[in-house]
PDB file of all heavy atoms in Angstrom:
ATOM      1  N   ARG A   1    -126.525   8.218 123.620  1.00  0.00           N
ATOM      2  CA  ARG A   1    -125.700   7.421 124.512  1.00  0.00           C
ATOM      3  C   ARG A   1    -126.350   6.076 124.814  1.00  0.00           C
ATOM      4  O   ARG A   1    -127.574   5.948 124.784  1.00  0.00           O
ATOM      5  CB  ARG A   1    -125.467   8.174 125.830  1.00  0.00           C
ATOM      6  CG  ARG A   1    -124.721   9.486 125.704  1.00  0.00           C
ATOM      7  CD  ARG A   1    -123.344   9.248 125.119  1.00  0.00           C
ATOM      8  NE  ARG A   1    -122.597   8.288 125.937  1.00  0.00           N
ATOM      9  CZ  ARG A   1    -121.548   7.597 125.516  1.00  0.00           C
ATOM     10  NH1 ARG A   1    -121.116   7.734 124.275  1.00  0.00           N
ATOM     11  NH2 ARG A   1    -120.925   6.774 126.332  1.00  0.00           N
ATOM     12  N   PRO A   2    -125.546   5.040 125.100  1.00  0.00           N
ATOM     13  CA  PRO A   2    -126.117   3.746 125.503  1.00  0.00           C
ATOM     14  C   PRO A   2    -126.962   3.890 126.765  1.00  0.00           C
ATOM     15  O   PRO A   2    -126.743   4.796 127.574  1.00  0.00           O
ATOM     16  CB  PRO A   2    -124.883   2.879 125.760  1.00  0.00           C
ATOM     17  CG  PRO A   2    -123.775   3.541 125.021  1.00  0.00           C
ATOM     18  CD  PRO A   2    -124.073   5.010 125.049  1.00  0.00           C
ATOM     19  N   ILE A   3    -127.896   2.983 126.927  1.00  0.00           N
ATOM     20  CA  ILE A   3    -128.827   3.026 128.053  1.00  0.00           C
ATOM     21  C   ILE A   3    -128.653   1.770 128.905  1.00  0.00           C
ATOM     22  O   ILE A   3    -128.499   0.671 128.382  1.00  0.00           O
ATOM     23  CB  ILE A   3    -130.280   3.111 127.555  1.00  0.00           C
ATOM     24  CG1 ILE A   3    -130.496   4.395 126.750  1.00  0.00           C
ATOM     25  CG2 ILE A   3    -131.263   3.043 128.722  1.00  0.00           C
ATOM     26  CD1 ILE A   3    -131.841   4.447 126.045  1.00  0.00           C
ATOM     27  N   VAL A   4    -128.689   1.950 130.220  1.00  0.00           N
ATOM     28  CA  VAL A   4    -128.709   0.831 131.158  1.00  0.00           C
ATOM     29  C   VAL A   4    -129.978   0.939 131.989  1.00  0.00           C
ATOM     30  O   VAL A   4    -130.262   1.999 132.560  1.00  0.00           O
ATOM     31  CB  VAL A   4    -127.487   0.828 132.096  1.00  0.00           C
ATOM     32  CG1 VAL A   4    -127.565  -0.345 133.065  1.00  0.00           C
ATOM     33  CG2 VAL A   4    -126.188   0.770 131.292  1.00  0.00           C
ATOM     34  N   ILE A   5    -130.751  -0.137 132.034  1.00  0.00           N
ATOM     35  CA  ILE A   5    -131.928  -0.196 132.912  1.00  0.00           C
ATOM     36  C   ILE A   5    -131.583  -1.136 134.057  1.00  0.00           C
ATOM     37  O   ILE A   5    -131.237  -2.301 133.829  1.00  0.00           O
ATOM     38  CB  ILE A   5    -133.179  -0.695 132.179  1.00  0.00           C
ATOM     39  CG1 ILE A   5    -133.420   0.106 130.899  1.00  0.00           C
ATOM     40  CG2 ILE A   5    -134.397  -0.601 133.092  1.00  0.00           C
ATOM     41  CD1 ILE A   5    -134.616  -0.388 130.083  1.00  0.00           C
ATOM     42  N   PHE A   6    -131.683  -0.630 135.289  1.00  0.00           N
ATOM     43  CA  PHE A   6    -131.292  -1.402 136.473  1.00  0.00           C
ATOM     44  C   PHE A   6    -132.492  -1.682 137.364  1.00  0.00           C
ATOM     45  O   PHE A   6    -133.234  -0.770 137.729  1.00  0.00           O
ATOM     46  CB  PHE A   6    -130.233  -0.641 137.274  1.00  0.00           C
ATOM     47  CG  PHE A   6    -129.911  -1.281 138.605  1.00  0.00           C
ATOM     48  CD1 PHE A   6    -129.017  -2.330 138.686  1.00  0.00           C
ATOM     49  CD2 PHE A   6    -130.527  -0.831 139.769  1.00  0.00           C
ATOM     50  CE1 PHE A   6    -128.737  -2.939 139.905  1.00  0.00           C
ATOM     51  CE2 PHE A   6    -130.253  -1.425 140.992  1.00  0.00           C
ATOM     52  CZ  PHE A   6    -129.352  -2.476 141.063  1.00  0.00           C
ATOM     53  N   TRP A   7    -132.656  -2.962 137.743  1.00  0.00           N
ATOM     54  CA  TRP A   7    -133.693  -3.367 138.701  1.00  0.00           C
ATOM     55  C   TRP A   7    -133.026  -3.808 139.990  1.00  0.00           C
ATOM     56  O   TRP A   7    -132.154  -4.681 139.990  1.00  0.00           O
ATOM     57  CB  TRP A   7    -134.543  -4.507 138.138  1.00  0.00           C
ATOM     58  CG  TRP A   7    -135.504  -4.058 137.078  1.00  0.00           C
ATOM     59  CD1 TRP A   7    -136.762  -3.543 137.250  1.00  0.00           C
ATOM     60  CD2 TRP A   7    -135.287  -4.081 135.649  1.00  0.00           C
ATOM     61  NE1 TRP A   7    -137.335  -3.242 136.040  1.00  0.00           N
ATOM     62  CE2 TRP A   7    -136.455  -3.561 135.034  1.00  0.00           C
ATOM     63  CE3 TRP A   7    -134.225  -4.489 134.836  1.00  0.00           C
ATOM     64  CZ2 TRP A   7    -136.584  -3.444 133.654  1.00  0.00           C
ATOM     65  CZ3 TRP A   7    -134.347  -4.369 133.466  1.00  0.00           C
ATOM     66  CH2 TRP A   7    -135.520  -3.851 132.882  1.00  0.00           C
ATOM     67  N   TYR A   8    -133.434  -3.222 141.107  1.00  0.00           N
ATOM     68  CA  TYR A   8    -132.890  -3.574 142.414  1.00  0.00           C
ATOM     69  C   TYR A   8    -133.514  -4.875 142.917  1.00  0.00           C
ATOM     70  O   TYR A   8    -134.547  -5.335 142.427  1.00  0.00           O
ATOM     71  CB  TYR A   8    -133.145  -2.442 143.417  1.00  0.00           C
ATOM     72  CG  TYR A   8    -134.594  -2.007 143.482  1.00  0.00           C
ATOM     73  CD1 TYR A   8    -135.553  -2.753 144.161  1.00  0.00           C
ATOM     74  CD2 TYR A   8    -135.016  -0.842 142.840  1.00  0.00           C
ATOM     75  CE1 TYR A   8    -136.878  -2.354 144.210  1.00  0.00           C
ATOM     76  CE2 TYR A   8    -136.334  -0.424 142.886  1.00  0.00           C
ATOM     77  CZ  TYR A   8    -137.259  -1.188 143.570  1.00  0.00           C
ATOM     78  OH  TYR A   8    -138.579  -0.796 143.599  1.00  0.00           O
ATOM     79  N   GLY A   9    -132.868  -5.453 143.929  1.00  0.00           N
ATOM     80  CA  GLY A   9    -133.390  -6.658 144.565  1.00  0.00           C
ATOM     81  C   GLY A   9    -134.234  -6.332 145.781  1.00  0.00           C
ATOM     82  O   GLY A   9    -134.513  -5.176 146.083  1.00  0.00           O
ATOM     83  N   GLY A  10    -134.610  -7.390 146.492  1.00  0.00           N
ATOM     84  CA  GLY A  10    -135.466  -7.226 147.667  1.00  0.00           C
ATOM     85  C   GLY A  10    -136.460  -8.351 147.801  1.00  0.00           C
ATOM     86  O   GLY A  10    -137.535  -8.175 148.389  1.00  0.00           O
ATOM     87  N   SER A  11    -136.129  -9.520 147.234  1.00  0.00           N
ATOM     88  CA  SER A  11    -136.974 -10.717 147.335  1.00  0.00           C
ATOM     89  C   SER A  11    -138.361 -10.510 146.750  1.00  0.00           C
ATOM     90  O   SER A  11    -139.326 -11.146 147.179  1.00  0.00           O
ATOM     91  CB  SER A  11    -137.086 -11.180 148.801  1.00  0.00           C
ATOM     92  OG  SER A  11    -135.809 -11.467 149.324  1.00  0.00           O
ATOM     93  N   TRP A  12    -138.480  -9.597 145.780  1.00  0.00           N
ATOM     94  CA  TRP A  12    -139.746  -9.296 145.114  1.00  0.00           C
ATOM     95  C   TRP A  12    -140.803  -8.761 146.085  1.00  0.00           C
ATOM     96  O   TRP A  12    -141.979  -8.707 145.765  1.00  0.00           O
ATOM     97  CB  TRP A  12    -140.313 -10.534 144.405  1.00  0.00           C
ATOM     98  CG  TRP A  12    -139.388 -11.159 143.435  1.00  0.00           C
ATOM     99  CD1 TRP A  12    -139.180 -10.798 142.126  1.00  0.00           C
ATOM    100  CD2 TRP A  12    -138.530 -12.282 143.677  1.00  0.00           C
ATOM    101  NE1 TRP A  12    -138.235 -11.621 141.554  1.00  0.00           N
ATOM    102  CE2 TRP A  12    -137.824 -12.540 142.475  1.00  0.00           C
ATOM    103  CE3 TRP A  12    -138.299 -13.083 144.795  1.00  0.00           C
ATOM    104  CZ2 TRP A  12    -136.903 -13.562 142.377  1.00  0.00           C
ATOM    105  CZ3 TRP A  12    -137.368 -14.101 144.692  1.00  0.00           C
ATOM    106  CH2 TRP A  12    -136.679 -14.333 143.494  1.00  0.00           C
ATOM    107  N   LYS A  13    -140.357  -8.303 147.286  1.00  0.00           N
ATOM    108  CA  LYS A  13    -141.341  -7.821 148.262  1.00  0.00           C
ATOM    109  C   LYS A  13    -140.995  -6.469 148.871  1.00  0.00           C
ATOM    110  O   LYS A  13    -141.812  -5.889 149.582  1.00  0.00           O
ATOM    111  CB  LYS A  13    -141.543  -8.855 149.376  1.00  0.00           C
ATOM    112  CG  LYS A  13    -140.323  -9.094 150.253  1.00  0.00           C
ATOM    113  CD  LYS A  13    -140.634 -10.120 151.339  1.00  0.00           C
ATOM    114  CE  LYS A  13    -139.429 -10.343 152.247  1.00  0.00           C
ATOM    115  NZ  LYS A  13    -139.729 -11.339 153.300  1.00  0.00           N
ATOM    116  N   HIS A  14    -139.780  -5.968 148.639  1.00  0.00           N
ATOM    117  CA  HIS A  14    -139.463  -4.625 149.133  1.00  0.00           C
ATOM    118  C   HIS A  14    -138.378  -4.012 148.258  1.00  0.00           C
ATOM    119  O   HIS A  14    -137.687  -4.705 147.508  1.00  0.00           O
ATOM    120  CB  HIS A  14    -139.026  -4.633 150.603  1.00  0.00           C
ATOM    121  CG  HIS A  14    -137.864  -5.526 150.911  1.00  0.00           C
ATOM    122  ND1 HIS A  14    -136.568  -5.199 150.596  1.00  0.00           N
ATOM    123  CD2 HIS A  14    -137.807  -6.746 151.508  1.00  0.00           C
ATOM    124  CE1 HIS A  14    -135.762  -6.157 150.994  1.00  0.00           C
ATOM    125  NE2 HIS A  14    -136.476  -7.120 151.531  1.00  0.00           N
ATOM    126  N   GLY A  15    -138.246  -2.693 148.368  1.00  0.00           N
ATOM    127  CA  GLY A  15    -137.262  -1.964 147.572  1.00  0.00           C
ATOM    128  C   GLY A  15    -137.838  -0.652 147.081  1.00  0.00           C
ATOM    129  O   GLY A  15    -139.058  -0.477 146.969  1.00  0.00           O
ATOM    130  N   ASN A  16    -136.940   0.285 146.790  1.00  0.00           N
ATOM    131  CA  ASN A  16    -137.341   1.603 146.322  1.00  0.00           C
ATOM    132  C   ASN A  16    -136.218   2.162 145.462  1.00  0.00           C
ATOM    133  O   ASN A  16    -135.056   2.174 145.875  1.00  0.00           O
ATOM    134  CB  ASN A  16    -137.610   2.526 147.522  1.00  0.00           C
ATOM    135  CG  ASN A  16    -138.212   3.848 147.132  1.00  0.00           C
ATOM    136  OD1 ASN A  16    -137.678   4.551 146.275  1.00  0.00           O
ATOM    137  ND2 ASN A  16    -139.331   4.204 147.759  1.00  0.00           N
ATOM    138  N   LYS A  17    -136.563   2.641 144.286  1.00  0.00           N
ATOM    139  CA  LYS A  17    -135.562   3.139 143.345  1.00  0.00           C
ATOM    140  C   LYS A  17    -134.738   4.275 143.917  1.00  0.00           C
ATOM    141  O   LYS A  17    -133.546   4.423 143.591  1.00  0.00           O
ATOM    142  CB  LYS A  17    -136.232   3.585 142.042  1.00  0.00           C
ATOM    143  CG  LYS A  17    -137.317   4.644 142.209  1.00  0.00           C
ATOM    144  CD  LYS A  17    -137.990   4.952 140.898  1.00  0.00           C
ATOM    145  CE  LYS A  17    -139.198   5.856 141.057  1.00  0.00           C
ATOM    146  NZ  LYS A  17    -138.947   7.111 141.778  1.00  0.00           N
ATOM    147  N   ALA A  18    -135.333   5.097 144.776  1.00  0.00           N
ATOM    148  CA  ALA A  18    -134.609   6.241 145.337  1.00  0.00           C
ATOM    149  C   ALA A  18    -133.416   5.806 146.172  1.00  0.00           C
ATOM    150  O   ALA A  18    -132.416   6.524 146.273  1.00  0.00           O
ATOM    151  CB  ALA A  18    -135.551   7.095 146.180  1.00  0.00           C
ATOM    152  N   ASN A  19    -133.493   4.623 146.768  1.00  0.00           N
ATOM    153  CA  ASN A  19    -132.390   4.135 147.587  1.00  0.00           C
ATOM    154  C   ASN A  19    -131.174   3.743 146.763  1.00  0.00           C
ATOM    155  O   ASN A  19    -130.081   3.577 147.309  1.00  0.00           O
ATOM    156  CB  ASN A  19    -132.847   2.929 148.412  1.00  0.00           C
ATOM    157  CG  ASN A  19    -133.824   3.315 149.506  1.00  0.00           C
ATOM    158  OD1 ASN A  19    -133.841   4.451 149.947  1.00  0.00           O
ATOM    159  ND2 ASN A  19    -134.640   2.371 149.933  1.00  0.00           N
ATOM    160  N   TYR A  20    -131.357   3.588 145.463  1.00  0.00           N
ATOM    161  CA  TYR A  20    -130.264   3.124 144.603  1.00  0.00           C
ATOM    162  C   TYR A  20    -129.762   4.243 143.686  1.00  0.00           C
ATOM    163  O   TYR A  20    -129.236   3.971 142.615  1.00  0.00           O
ATOM    164  CB  TYR A  20    -130.715   1.908 143.798  1.00  0.00           C
ATOM    165  CG  TYR A  20    -130.897   0.704 144.696  1.00  0.00           C
ATOM    166  CD1 TYR A  20    -132.088   0.512 145.386  1.00  0.00           C
ATOM    167  CD2 TYR A  20    -129.870  -0.204 144.887  1.00  0.00           C
ATOM    168  CE1 TYR A  20    -132.251  -0.568 146.245  1.00  0.00           C
ATOM    169  CE2 TYR A  20    -130.018  -1.285 145.737  1.00  0.00           C
ATOM    170  CZ  TYR A  20    -131.212  -1.463 146.415  1.00  0.00           C
ATOM    171  OH  TYR A  20    -131.362  -2.522 147.265  1.00  0.00           O
ATOM    172  N   ARG A  21    -129.888   5.453 144.179  1.00  0.00           N
ATOM    173  CA  ARG A  21    -129.356   6.579 143.413  1.00  0.00           C
ATOM    174  C   ARG A  21    -127.863   6.390 143.134  1.00  0.00           C
ATOM    175  O   ARG A  21    -127.357   6.795 142.089  1.00  0.00           O
ATOM    176  CB  ARG A  21    -129.589   7.881 144.180  1.00  0.00           C
ATOM    177  CG  ARG A  21    -129.058   9.121 143.463  1.00  0.00           C
ATOM    178  CD  ARG A  21    -129.532  10.393 144.140  1.00  0.00           C
ATOM    179  NE  ARG A  21    -129.006  11.581 143.448  1.00  0.00           N
ATOM    180  CZ  ARG A  21    -129.479  12.808 143.618  1.00  0.00           C
ATOM    181  NH1 ARG A  21    -130.484  13.016 144.443  1.00  0.00           N
ATOM    182  NH2 ARG A  21    -128.952  13.825 142.960  1.00  0.00           N
ATOM    183  N   PHE A  22    -127.147   5.728 144.053  1.00  0.00           N
ATOM    184  CA  PHE A  22    -125.716   5.531 143.861  1.00  0.00           C
ATOM    185  C   PHE A  22    -125.421   4.700 142.616  1.00  0.00           C
ATOM    186  O   PHE A  22    -124.363   4.855 141.996  1.00  0.00           O
ATOM    187  CB  PHE A  22    -125.076   4.905 145.109  1.00  0.00           C
ATOM    188  CG  PHE A  22    -125.521   3.505 145.444  1.00  0.00           C
ATOM    189  CD1 PHE A  22    -124.800   2.416 144.989  1.00  0.00           C
ATOM    190  CD2 PHE A  22    -126.638   3.278 146.240  1.00  0.00           C
ATOM    191  CE1 PHE A  22    -125.180   1.122 145.319  1.00  0.00           C
ATOM    192  CE2 PHE A  22    -127.034   1.992 146.570  1.00  0.00           C
ATOM    193  CZ  PHE A  22    -126.307   0.904 146.109  1.00  0.00           C
ATOM    194  N   VAL A  23    -126.352   3.816 142.218  1.00  0.00           N
ATOM    195  CA  VAL A  23    -126.166   3.034 140.990  1.00  0.00           C
ATOM    196  C   VAL A  23    -126.360   3.925 139.767  1.00  0.00           C
ATOM    197  O   VAL A  23    -125.548   3.924 138.839  1.00  0.00           O
ATOM    198  CB  VAL A  23    -127.139   1.849 140.949  1.00  0.00           C
ATOM    199  CG1 VAL A  23    -127.008   1.099 139.627  1.00  0.00           C
ATOM    200  CG2 VAL A  23    -126.875   0.894 142.110  1.00  0.00           C
ATOM    201  N   GLY A  24    -127.434   4.708 139.770  1.00  0.00           N
ATOM    202  CA  GLY A  24    -127.680   5.609 138.646  1.00  0.00           C
ATOM    203  C   GLY A  24    -126.551   6.607 138.457  1.00  0.00           C
ATOM    204  O   GLY A  24    -126.116   6.864 137.327  1.00  0.00           O
ATOM    205  N   ALA A  25    -126.055   7.157 139.560  1.00  0.00           N
ATOM    206  CA  ALA A  25    -124.981   8.143 139.482  1.00  0.00           C
ATOM    207  C   ALA A  25    -123.684   7.510 138.983  1.00  0.00           C
ATOM    208  O   ALA A  25    -122.959   8.103 138.171  1.00  0.00           O
ATOM    209  CB  ALA A  25    -124.761   8.777 140.851  1.00  0.00           C
ATOM    210  N   ALA A  26    -123.383   6.302 139.467  1.00  0.00           N
ATOM    211  CA  ALA A  26    -122.135   5.639 139.081  1.00  0.00           C
ATOM    212  C   ALA A  26    -122.101   5.318 137.597  1.00  0.00           C
ATOM    213  O   ALA A  26    -121.064   5.470 136.936  1.00  0.00           O
ATOM    214  CB  ALA A  26    -121.951   4.367 139.900  1.00  0.00           C
ATOM    215  N   LEU A  27    -123.227   4.887 137.046  1.00  0.00           N
ATOM    216  CA  LEU A  27    -123.267   4.547 135.625  1.00  0.00           C
ATOM    217  C   LEU A  27    -123.354   5.799 134.754  1.00  0.00           C
ATOM    218  O   LEU A  27    -122.755   5.850 133.671  1.00  0.00           O
ATOM    219  CB  LEU A  27    -124.437   3.604 135.355  1.00  0.00           C
ATOM    220  CG  LEU A  27    -124.293   2.213 135.980  1.00  0.00           C
ATOM    221  CD1 LEU A  27    -125.584   1.411 135.835  1.00  0.00           C
ATOM    222  CD2 LEU A  27    -123.126   1.455 135.345  1.00  0.00           C
ATOM    223  N   ALA A  28    -124.084   6.808 135.207  1.00  0.00           N
ATOM    224  CA  ALA A  28    -124.142   8.061 134.447  1.00  0.00           C
ATOM    225  C   ALA A  28    -122.766   8.707 134.369  1.00  0.00           C
ATOM    226  O   ALA A  28    -122.415   9.332 133.361  1.00  0.00           O
ATOM    227  CB  ALA A  28    -125.151   9.020 135.089  1.00  0.00           C
ATOM    228  N   ALA A  29    -121.973   8.525 135.418  1.00  0.00           N
ATOM    229  CA  ALA A  29    -120.627   9.096 135.430  1.00  0.00           C
ATOM    230  C   ALA A  29    -119.742   8.486 134.346  1.00  0.00           C
ATOM    231  O   ALA A  29    -118.759   9.094 133.929  1.00  0.00           O
ATOM    232  CB  ALA A  29    -119.979   8.888 136.799  1.00  0.00           C
ATOM    233  N   ARG A  30    -120.096   7.298 133.881  1.00  0.00           N
ATOM    234  CA  ARG A  30    -119.327   6.643 132.832  1.00  0.00           C
ATOM    235  C   ARG A  30    -119.976   6.802 131.458  1.00  0.00           C
ATOM    236  O   ARG A  30    -119.607   6.121 130.505  1.00  0.00           O
ATOM    237  CB  ARG A  30    -119.155   5.159 133.173  1.00  0.00           C
ATOM    238  CG  ARG A  30    -118.449   4.926 134.490  1.00  0.00           C
ATOM    239  CD  ARG A  30    -117.034   5.506 134.539  1.00  0.00           C
ATOM    240  NE  ARG A  30    -116.107   4.689 133.786  1.00  0.00           N
ATOM    241  CZ  ARG A  30    -115.372   3.715 134.319  1.00  0.00           C
ATOM    242  NH1 ARG A  30    -115.450   3.465 135.633  1.00  0.00           N
ATOM    243  NH2 ARG A  30    -114.551   3.009 133.581  1.00  0.00           N
ATOM    244  N   GLY A  31    -120.978   7.691 131.372  1.00  0.00           N
ATOM    245  CA  GLY A  31    -121.540   8.049 130.079  1.00  0.00           C
ATOM    246  C   GLY A  31    -122.786   7.307 129.663  1.00  0.00           C
ATOM    247  O   GLY A  31    -123.234   7.438 128.525  1.00  0.00           O
ATOM    248  N   PHE A  32    -123.387   6.535 130.580  1.00  0.00           N
ATOM    249  CA  PHE A  32    -124.591   5.780 130.232  1.00  0.00           C
ATOM    250  C   PHE A  32    -125.840   6.478 130.768  1.00  0.00           C
ATOM    251  O   PHE A  32    -125.874   6.894 131.927  1.00  0.00           O
ATOM    252  CB  PHE A  32    -124.528   4.369 130.821  1.00  0.00           C
ATOM    253  CG  PHE A  32    -123.259   3.626 130.512  1.00  0.00           C
ATOM    254  CD1 PHE A  32    -122.430   3.192 131.529  1.00  0.00           C
ATOM    255  CD2 PHE A  32    -122.881   3.382 129.196  1.00  0.00           C
ATOM    256  CE1 PHE A  32    -121.249   2.516 131.256  1.00  0.00           C
ATOM    257  CE2 PHE A  32    -121.708   2.704 128.904  1.00  0.00           C
ATOM    258  CZ  PHE A  32    -120.889   2.273 129.940  1.00  0.00           C
ATOM    259  N   VAL A  33    -126.847   6.608 129.927  1.00  0.00           N
ATOM    260  CA  VAL A  33    -128.154   7.039 130.412  1.00  0.00           C
ATOM    261  C   VAL A  33    -128.724   5.869 131.219  1.00  0.00           C
ATOM    262  O   VAL A  33    -128.874   4.766 130.702  1.00  0.00           O
ATOM    263  CB  VAL A  33    -129.098   7.395 129.252  1.00  0.00           C
ATOM    264  CG1 VAL A  33    -130.499   7.700 129.781  1.00  0.00           C
ATOM    265  CG2 VAL A  33    -128.556   8.579 128.469  1.00  0.00           C
ATOM    266  N   THR A  34    -129.003   6.108 132.484  1.00  0.00           N
ATOM    267  CA  THR A  34    -129.357   5.012 133.395  1.00  0.00           C
ATOM    268  C   THR A  34    -130.782   5.190 133.910  1.00  0.00           C
ATOM    269  O   THR A  34    -131.165   6.280 134.331  1.00  0.00           O
ATOM    270  CB  THR A  34    -128.374   4.959 134.577  1.00  0.00           C
ATOM    271  OG1 THR A  34    -127.027   4.940 134.061  1.00  0.00           O
ATOM    272  CG2 THR A  34    -128.605   3.713 135.403  1.00  0.00           C
ATOM    273  N   VAL A  35    -131.538   4.098 133.882  1.00  0.00           N
ATOM    274  CA  VAL A  35    -132.947   4.124 134.274  1.00  0.00           C
ATOM    275  C   VAL A  35    -133.152   3.163 135.439  1.00  0.00           C
ATOM    276  O   VAL A  35    -132.737   2.003 135.374  1.00  0.00           O
ATOM    277  CB  VAL A  35    -133.858   3.730 133.097  1.00  0.00           C
ATOM    278  CG1 VAL A  35    -135.325   3.794 133.514  1.00  0.00           C
ATOM    279  CG2 VAL A  35    -133.592   4.625 131.890  1.00  0.00           C
ATOM    280  N   LEU A  36    -133.791   3.646 136.501  1.00  0.00           N
ATOM    281  CA  LEU A  36    -134.102   2.826 137.664  1.00  0.00           C
ATOM    282  C   LEU A  36    -135.617   2.783 137.854  1.00  0.00           C
ATOM    283  O   LEU A  36    -136.216   3.747 138.318  1.00  0.00           O
ATOM    284  CB  LEU A  36    -133.444   3.398 138.929  1.00  0.00           C
ATOM    285  CG  LEU A  36    -131.998   2.996 139.226  1.00  0.00           C
ATOM    286  CD1 LEU A  36    -131.056   3.456 138.140  1.00  0.00           C
ATOM    287  CD2 LEU A  36    -131.575   3.538 140.585  1.00  0.00           C
ATOM    288  N   PRO A  37    -136.254   1.678 137.478  1.00  0.00           N
ATOM    289  CA  PRO A  37    -137.698   1.579 137.671  1.00  0.00           C
ATOM    290  C   PRO A  37    -138.063   0.993 139.045  1.00  0.00           C
ATOM    291  O   PRO A  37    -137.354   0.142 139.579  1.00  0.00           O
ATOM    292  CB  PRO A  37    -138.150   0.598 136.573  1.00  0.00           C
ATOM    293  CG  PRO A  37    -136.920   0.308 135.750  1.00  0.00           C
ATOM    294  CD  PRO A  37    -135.750   0.601 136.637  1.00  0.00           C
TER     295      PRO A  37
END
């Protein structure tokens, strides 16, 4: 399957991948293997 790698924002000073589970779930639901680093 196609892959999407997503980087969250936060002014390069804050952020956590766990908070953006909704992005990973939304893209996986459409058939994309989604990676949140």
